[in-house]
Amino acid sequence: MKFLELREKDVINCRTGDKLGCVLDLEFDPGSGQILCLIVPKATKVLCFAKGEFYYIPYKRIVKIGCDTVLVDIIEKECLK
């Protein structure tokens, strides 16, 4: 899968059913090249994203990548930075 395809998918938290937003960026380990986490801006009802608030979702917390969505299993407060 290409990164541009991943960016078009909605990120959904399996624990709450909430839509967190769309993938903005990825964080890599420079030594191994492995993906460490997905970076998703926190969506608000008024704006597309809140200034400076992002979910850093560890790669191991991805449950499934489907056609339209990425399902994750996270505690939102722990991933919000």
C-alpha atoms as a PDB file:
ATOM      1  CA  MET A   1       0.000   0.000   0.000  1.00  0.00           C
ATOM      2  CA  LYS A   2       1.240   3.480  -0.819  1.00  0.00           C
ATOM      3  CA  PHE A   3       1.281   6.242   1.770  1.00  0.00           C
ATOM      4  CA  LEU A   4      -1.098   8.357  -0.336  1.00  0.00           C
ATOM      5  CA  GLU A   5      -3.666   5.523  -0.164  1.00  0.00           C
ATOM      6  CA  LEU A   6      -3.267   5.319   3.616  1.00  0.00           C
ATOM      7  CA  ARG A   7      -3.856   9.076   3.972  1.00  0.00           C
ATOM      8  CA  GLU A   8      -7.333   8.732   2.424  1.00  0.00           C
ATOM      9  CA  LYS A   9      -8.538   6.312   5.105  1.00  0.00           C
ATOM     10  CA  ASP A  10     -10.466   7.267   8.239  1.00  0.00           C
ATOM     11  CA  VAL A  11      -8.911   6.150  11.530  1.00  0.00           C
ATOM     12  CA  ILE A  12     -11.503   4.609  13.864  1.00  0.00           C
ATOM     13  CA  ASN A  13     -10.948   3.665  17.508  1.00  0.00           C
ATOM     14  CA  CYS A  14     -12.401   0.169  18.118  1.00  0.00           C
ATOM     15  CA  ARG A  15     -12.806   0.847  21.851  1.00  0.00           C
ATOM     16  CA  THR A  16     -15.162   3.800  21.425  1.00  0.00           C
ATOM     17  CA  GLY A  17     -16.245   3.715  17.780  1.00  0.00           C
ATOM     18  CA  ASP A  18     -15.046   7.321  17.415  1.00  0.00           C
ATOM     19  CA  LYS A  19     -13.537   8.631  14.209  1.00  0.00           C
ATOM     20  CA  LEU A  20     -10.154  10.077  15.171  1.00  0.00           C
ATOM     21  CA  GLY A  21      -9.357  11.644  11.806  1.00  0.00           C
ATOM     22  CA  CYS A  22      -7.171  10.750   8.827  1.00  0.00           C
ATOM     23  CA  VAL A  23      -3.507   9.766   8.748  1.00  0.00           C
ATOM     24  CA  LEU A  24      -1.331  12.862   8.374  1.00  0.00           C
ATOM     25  CA  ASP A  25       2.121  11.303   8.644  1.00  0.00           C
ATOM     26  CA  LEU A  26       4.115   8.276   9.752  1.00  0.00           C
ATOM     27  CA  GLU A  27       7.014   8.028  12.203  1.00  0.00           C
ATOM     28  CA  PHE A  28       9.842   5.661  11.207  1.00  0.00           C
ATOM     29  CA  ASP A  29      12.773   4.092  13.023  1.00  0.00           C
ATOM     30  CA  PRO A  30      15.738   5.495  11.062  1.00  0.00           C
ATOM     31  CA  GLY A  31      17.870   2.421  11.745  1.00  0.00           C
ATOM     32  CA  SER A  32      15.458  -0.310  10.691  1.00  0.00           C
ATOM     33  CA  GLY A  33      13.039   1.641   8.491  1.00  0.00           C
ATOM     34  CA  GLN A  34      10.076   0.159  10.391  1.00  0.00           C
ATOM     35  CA  ILE A  35       6.936   2.207  10.975  1.00  0.00           C
ATOM     36  CA  LEU A  36       6.701   3.201  14.651  1.00  0.00           C
ATOM     37  CA  CYS A  37       3.402   5.074  14.666  1.00  0.00           C
ATOM     38  CA  LEU A  38       0.673   6.796  12.701  1.00  0.00           C
ATOM     39  CA  ILE A  39       0.259  10.518  13.281  1.00  0.00           C
ATOM     40  CA  VAL A  40      -3.372  11.663  13.158  1.00  0.00           C
ATOM     41  CA  PRO A  41      -4.483  15.249  13.867  1.00  0.00           C
ATOM     42  CA  LYS A  42      -7.226  15.461  16.492  1.00  0.00           C
ATOM     43  CA  ALA A  43     -10.434  16.381  14.694  1.00  0.00           C
ATOM     44  CA  THR A  44     -12.874  18.889  16.157  1.00  0.00           C
ATOM     45  CA  LYS A  45     -16.423  19.718  15.099  1.00  0.00           C
ATOM     46  CA  VAL A  46     -15.560  23.316  14.215  1.00  0.00           C
ATOM     47  CA  LEU A  47     -12.148  22.960  12.585  1.00  0.00           C
ATOM     48  CA  CYS A  48     -10.523  20.189  10.580  1.00  0.00           C
ATOM     49  CA  PHE A  49      -7.986  19.731  13.357  1.00  0.00           C
ATOM     50  CA  ALA A  50      -7.076  21.393  16.610  1.00  0.00           C
ATOM     51  CA  LYS A  51      -3.813  23.312  16.615  1.00  0.00           C
ATOM     52  CA  GLY A  52      -0.969  21.256  17.987  1.00  0.00           C
ATOM     53  CA  GLU A  53      -2.987  18.203  19.076  1.00  0.00           C
ATOM     54  CA  PHE A  54      -2.122  14.916  17.421  1.00  0.00           C
ATOM     55  CA  TYR A  55      -2.685  11.242  18.118  1.00  0.00           C
ATOM     56  CA  TYR A  56       0.555   9.231  17.962  1.00  0.00           C
ATOM     57  CA  ILE A  57      -0.809   5.733  17.416  1.00  0.00           C
ATOM     58  CA  PRO A  58       1.745   2.917  17.849  1.00  0.00           C
ATOM     59  CA  TYR A  59       1.898   0.604  14.848  1.00  0.00           C
ATOM     60  CA  LYS A  60       1.248  -2.424  17.088  1.00  0.00           C
ATOM     61  CA  ARG A  61      -2.145  -0.885  18.045  1.00  0.00           C
ATOM     62  CA  ILE A  62      -3.463  -1.142  14.464  1.00  0.00           C
ATOM     63  CA  VAL A  63      -6.130  -3.851  14.400  1.00  0.00           C
ATOM     64  CA  LYS A  64      -6.923  -3.854  10.676  1.00  0.00           C
ATOM     65  CA  ILE A  65      -6.428  -1.763   7.573  1.00  0.00           C
ATOM     66  CA  GLY A  66      -9.508  -2.013   5.383  1.00  0.00           C
ATOM     67  CA  CYS A  67     -10.670  -0.487   2.107  1.00  0.00           C
ATOM     68  CA  ASP A  68     -11.884   2.777   3.679  1.00  0.00           C
ATOM     69  CA  THR A  69     -10.746   2.685   7.296  1.00  0.00           C
ATOM     70  CA  VAL A  70      -7.891   1.928   9.651  1.00  0.00           C
ATOM     71  CA  LEU A  71      -9.124   0.305  12.865  1.00  0.00           C
ATOM     72  CA  VAL A  72      -7.032   0.940  15.973  1.00  0.00           C
ATOM     73  CA  ASP A  73      -7.364  -0.134  19.593  1.00  0.00           C
ATOM     74  CA  ILE A  74      -6.108   2.727  21.772  1.00  0.00           C
ATOM     75  CA  ILE A  75      -6.817   4.677  24.919  1.00  0.00           C
ATOM     76  CA  GLU A  76      -7.092   8.133  23.370  1.00  0.00           C
ATOM     77  CA  LYS A  77      -5.669  10.077  26.334  1.00  0.00           C
ATOM     78  CA  GLU A  78      -2.473   7.993  26.215  1.00  0.00           C
ATOM     79  CA  CYS A  79      -1.872   8.662  22.501  1.00  0.00           C
ATOM     80  CA  LEU A  80      -2.785  12.375  22.429  1.00  0.00           C
ATOM     81  CA  LYS A  81       0.189  14.743  22.421  1.00  0.00           C
END
